[in-house]
Amino acid sequence: MASTQKLSGSIGIAEAKWVRARARRKKKSVSAIVTEALATVQRLEARREFLARLEPDELATDAEAEAIRKQWRA
């Protein structure tokens, strides 16, 4: 069974230029770039859904969030 599926759709001219340029820079196919972008959106949605389930006192404070960001950047 195939692990990919061909789709057809239309995107804006600016987006098409961007995806083609990124594919050239990364030496990947346009399909690979679109797949990466969709995976990123899926991860962001999953994070938002997870955070939406938390109670307010379970969320990081602004200071805690900044400390976490600093660790990620290190």
N, C-alpha and C. Protein backbone atom coordinates (compact mmCIF):
# COMPACT_ATOMS: atom_id res chain seq x y z
N MET A 1 0.84 -1.19 0.00
CA MET A 1 0.00 0.00 0.00
C MET A 1 0.88 1.25 0.00
N ALA A 2 0.54 2.22 -0.80
CA ALA A 2 1.33 3.44 -0.93
C ALA A 2 1.27 4.27 0.34
N SER A 3 2.39 4.92 0.66
CA SER A 3 2.42 5.77 1.85
C SER A 3 2.18 7.23 1.50
N THR A 4 1.92 7.50 0.26
CA THR A 4 1.62 8.87 -0.17
C THR A 4 0.35 8.87 -1.00
N GLN A 5 -0.21 10.07 -1.13
CA GLN A 5 -1.41 10.22 -1.95
C GLN A 5 -1.28 11.52 -2.71
N LYS A 6 -1.53 11.49 -3.99
CA LYS A 6 -1.45 12.67 -4.81
C LYS A 6 -2.71 13.51 -4.63
N LEU A 7 -2.52 14.80 -4.39
CA LEU A 7 -3.63 15.74 -4.26
C LEU A 7 -3.46 16.84 -5.29
N SER A 8 -4.52 17.52 -5.58
CA SER A 8 -4.48 18.64 -6.50
C SER A 8 -5.16 19.82 -5.83
N GLY A 9 -4.59 20.99 -5.98
CA GLY A 9 -5.19 22.18 -5.39
C GLY A 9 -4.54 23.43 -5.95
N SER A 10 -5.02 24.55 -5.53
CA SER A 10 -4.48 25.83 -5.99
C SER A 10 -4.03 26.65 -4.79
N ILE A 11 -2.92 27.35 -4.97
CA ILE A 11 -2.44 28.27 -3.93
C ILE A 11 -2.11 29.60 -4.59
N GLY A 12 -1.93 30.60 -3.78
CA GLY A 12 -1.61 31.93 -4.29
C GLY A 12 -0.25 31.97 -4.98
N ILE A 13 -0.07 32.95 -5.83
CA ILE A 13 1.18 33.10 -6.57
C ILE A 13 2.35 33.29 -5.63
N ALA A 14 2.19 34.15 -4.62
CA ALA A 14 3.28 34.40 -3.68
C ALA A 14 3.65 33.14 -2.92
N GLU A 15 2.65 32.37 -2.51
CA GLU A 15 2.92 31.12 -1.79
C GLU A 15 3.60 30.10 -2.69
N ALA A 16 3.20 30.05 -3.94
CA ALA A 16 3.82 29.12 -4.89
C ALA A 16 5.29 29.48 -5.10
N LYS A 17 5.58 30.78 -5.24
CA LYS A 17 6.97 31.21 -5.38
C LYS A 17 7.78 30.84 -4.14
N TRP A 18 7.19 31.07 -2.98
CA TRP A 18 7.89 30.76 -1.72
C TRP A 18 8.20 29.28 -1.62
N VAL A 19 7.20 28.42 -1.88
CA VAL A 19 7.41 26.99 -1.70
C VAL A 19 8.44 26.46 -2.72
N ARG A 20 8.41 26.97 -3.92
CA ARG A 20 9.40 26.54 -4.92
C ARG A 20 10.81 26.99 -4.53
N ALA A 21 10.92 28.24 -4.07
CA ALA A 21 12.23 28.75 -3.65
C ALA A 21 12.76 27.97 -2.45
N ARG A 22 11.89 27.69 -1.50
CA ARG A 22 12.32 26.92 -0.33
C ARG A 22 12.75 25.52 -0.74
N ALA A 23 12.02 24.90 -1.65
CA ALA A 23 12.37 23.57 -2.12
C ALA A 23 13.76 23.59 -2.76
N ARG A 24 14.04 24.61 -3.57
CA ARG A 24 15.37 24.72 -4.19
C ARG A 24 16.45 24.89 -3.13
N ARG A 25 16.21 25.80 -2.16
CA ARG A 25 17.21 26.06 -1.11
C ARG A 25 17.50 24.80 -0.29
N LYS A 26 16.46 24.06 0.03
CA LYS A 26 16.59 22.87 0.87
C LYS A 26 16.94 21.61 0.08
N LYS A 27 16.98 21.77 -1.26
CA LYS A 27 17.23 20.62 -2.16
C LYS A 27 16.23 19.49 -1.89
N LYS A 28 14.96 19.90 -1.80
CA LYS A 28 13.85 18.97 -1.58
C LYS A 28 12.78 19.23 -2.62
N SER A 29 11.83 18.33 -2.69
CA SER A 29 10.71 18.52 -3.61
C SER A 29 9.69 19.48 -3.00
N VAL A 30 8.86 20.04 -3.85
CA VAL A 30 7.76 20.88 -3.38
C VAL A 30 6.86 20.05 -2.46
N SER A 31 6.63 18.80 -2.82
CA SER A 31 5.79 17.94 -1.99
C SER A 31 6.38 17.78 -0.59
N ALA A 32 7.69 17.63 -0.50
CA ALA A 32 8.33 17.48 0.81
C ALA A 32 8.16 18.75 1.65
N ILE A 33 8.28 19.90 1.01
CA ILE A 33 8.12 21.17 1.73
C ILE A 33 6.69 21.32 2.22
N VAL A 34 5.72 21.00 1.38
CA VAL A 34 4.31 21.08 1.77
C VAL A 34 4.04 20.11 2.91
N THR A 35 4.58 18.91 2.84
CA THR A 35 4.40 17.92 3.90
C THR A 35 4.97 18.42 5.22
N GLU A 36 6.17 19.02 5.17
CA GLU A 36 6.77 19.59 6.38
C GLU A 36 5.89 20.70 6.97
N ALA A 37 5.38 21.55 6.10
CA ALA A 37 4.53 22.65 6.56
C ALA A 37 3.26 22.12 7.22
N LEU A 38 2.66 21.12 6.63
CA LEU A 38 1.44 20.53 7.21
C LEU A 38 1.75 19.86 8.55
N ALA A 39 2.90 19.21 8.66
CA ALA A 39 3.28 18.59 9.93
C ALA A 39 3.46 19.65 11.01
N THR A 40 4.01 20.80 10.63
CA THR A 40 4.18 21.90 11.59
C THR A 40 2.82 22.40 12.07
N VAL A 41 1.89 22.57 11.16
CA VAL A 41 0.55 23.01 11.53
C VAL A 41 -0.11 21.98 12.45
N GLN A 42 0.07 20.70 12.16
CA GLN A 42 -0.51 19.66 13.02
C GLN A 42 0.06 19.75 14.43
N ARG A 43 1.38 19.95 14.55
CA ARG A 43 2.00 20.06 15.88
C ARG A 43 1.47 21.28 16.63
N LEU A 44 1.34 22.42 15.93
CA LEU A 44 0.82 23.63 16.57
C LEU A 44 -0.62 23.43 17.05
N GLU A 45 -1.44 22.80 16.24
CA GLU A 45 -2.82 22.54 16.65
C GLU A 45 -2.86 21.61 17.86
N ALA A 46 -2.02 20.60 17.87
CA ALA A 46 -1.98 19.67 19.01
C ALA A 46 -1.56 20.41 20.28
N ARG A 47 -0.59 21.30 20.16
CA ARG A 47 -0.16 22.09 21.34
C ARG A 47 -1.30 22.96 21.85
N ARG A 48 -1.98 23.63 20.91
CA ARG A 48 -3.10 24.51 21.32
C ARG A 48 -4.22 23.71 21.98
N GLU A 49 -4.52 22.53 21.44
CA GLU A 49 -5.56 21.69 22.02
C GLU A 49 -5.16 21.22 23.42
N PHE A 50 -3.89 20.87 23.59
CA PHE A 50 -3.40 20.45 24.90
C PHE A 50 -3.50 21.60 25.90
N LEU A 51 -3.03 22.78 25.51
CA LEU A 51 -3.06 23.93 26.42
C LEU A 51 -4.49 24.34 26.76
N ALA A 52 -5.40 24.17 25.82
CA ALA A 52 -6.80 24.53 26.06
C ALA A 52 -7.43 23.64 27.14
N ARG A 53 -6.90 22.43 27.31
CA ARG A 53 -7.44 21.51 28.32
C ARG A 53 -6.92 21.80 29.72
N LEU A 54 -5.85 22.57 29.82
CA LEU A 54 -5.26 22.85 31.13
C LEU A 54 -6.06 23.89 31.90
N GLU A 55 -6.07 23.74 33.19
CA GLU A 55 -6.67 24.76 34.05
C GLU A 55 -5.72 25.95 34.12
N PRO A 56 -6.22 27.15 34.39
CA PRO A 56 -5.35 28.33 34.43
C PRO A 56 -4.16 28.18 35.39
N ASP A 57 -4.35 27.51 36.53
CA ASP A 57 -3.24 27.39 37.48
C ASP A 57 -2.22 26.34 37.03
N GLU A 58 -2.50 25.59 35.95
CA GLU A 58 -1.55 24.62 35.43
C GLU A 58 -0.65 25.21 34.35
N LEU A 59 -0.95 26.42 33.91
CA LEU A 59 -0.16 27.08 32.88
C LEU A 59 1.05 27.76 33.50
N ALA A 60 2.11 27.90 32.71
CA ALA A 60 3.31 28.57 33.19
C ALA A 60 3.04 30.06 33.33
N THR A 61 3.66 30.66 34.33
CA THR A 61 3.60 32.11 34.47
C THR A 61 4.45 32.72 33.36
N ASP A 62 4.35 34.03 33.17
CA ASP A 62 5.17 34.68 32.15
C ASP A 62 6.66 34.46 32.42
N ALA A 63 7.07 34.55 33.69
CA ALA A 63 8.48 34.35 34.05
C ALA A 63 8.91 32.91 33.77
N GLU A 64 8.06 31.95 34.10
CA GLU A 64 8.39 30.54 33.84
C GLU A 64 8.49 30.28 32.33
N ALA A 65 7.58 30.86 31.58
CA ALA A 65 7.59 30.68 30.13
C ALA A 65 8.87 31.26 29.53
N GLU A 66 9.30 32.41 30.02
CA GLU A 66 10.53 33.02 29.52
C GLU A 66 11.74 32.16 29.88
N ALA A 67 11.75 31.59 31.08
CA ALA A 67 12.86 30.71 31.49
C ALA A 67 12.91 29.47 30.58
N ILE A 68 11.77 28.95 30.22
CA ILE A 68 11.71 27.79 29.33
C ILE A 68 12.24 28.18 27.94
N ARG A 69 11.82 29.35 27.45
CA ARG A 69 12.31 29.82 26.13
C ARG A 69 13.83 29.95 26.13
N LYS A 70 14.39 30.49 27.22
CA LYS A 70 15.85 30.65 27.31
C LYS A 70 16.54 29.28 27.27
N GLN A 71 15.97 28.29 27.92
CA GLN A 71 16.55 26.94 27.90
C GLN A 71 16.50 26.36 26.48
N TRP A 72 15.39 26.60 25.76
CA TRP A 72 15.27 26.09 24.40
C TRP A 72 16.29 26.72 23.48
N ARG A 73 16.59 28.01 23.71
CA ARG A 73 17.53 28.73 22.85
C ARG A 73 18.97 28.32 23.12
N ALA A 74 19.23 27.79 24.30
CA ALA A 74 20.63 27.47 24.69
C ALA A 74 21.19 26.34 23.89
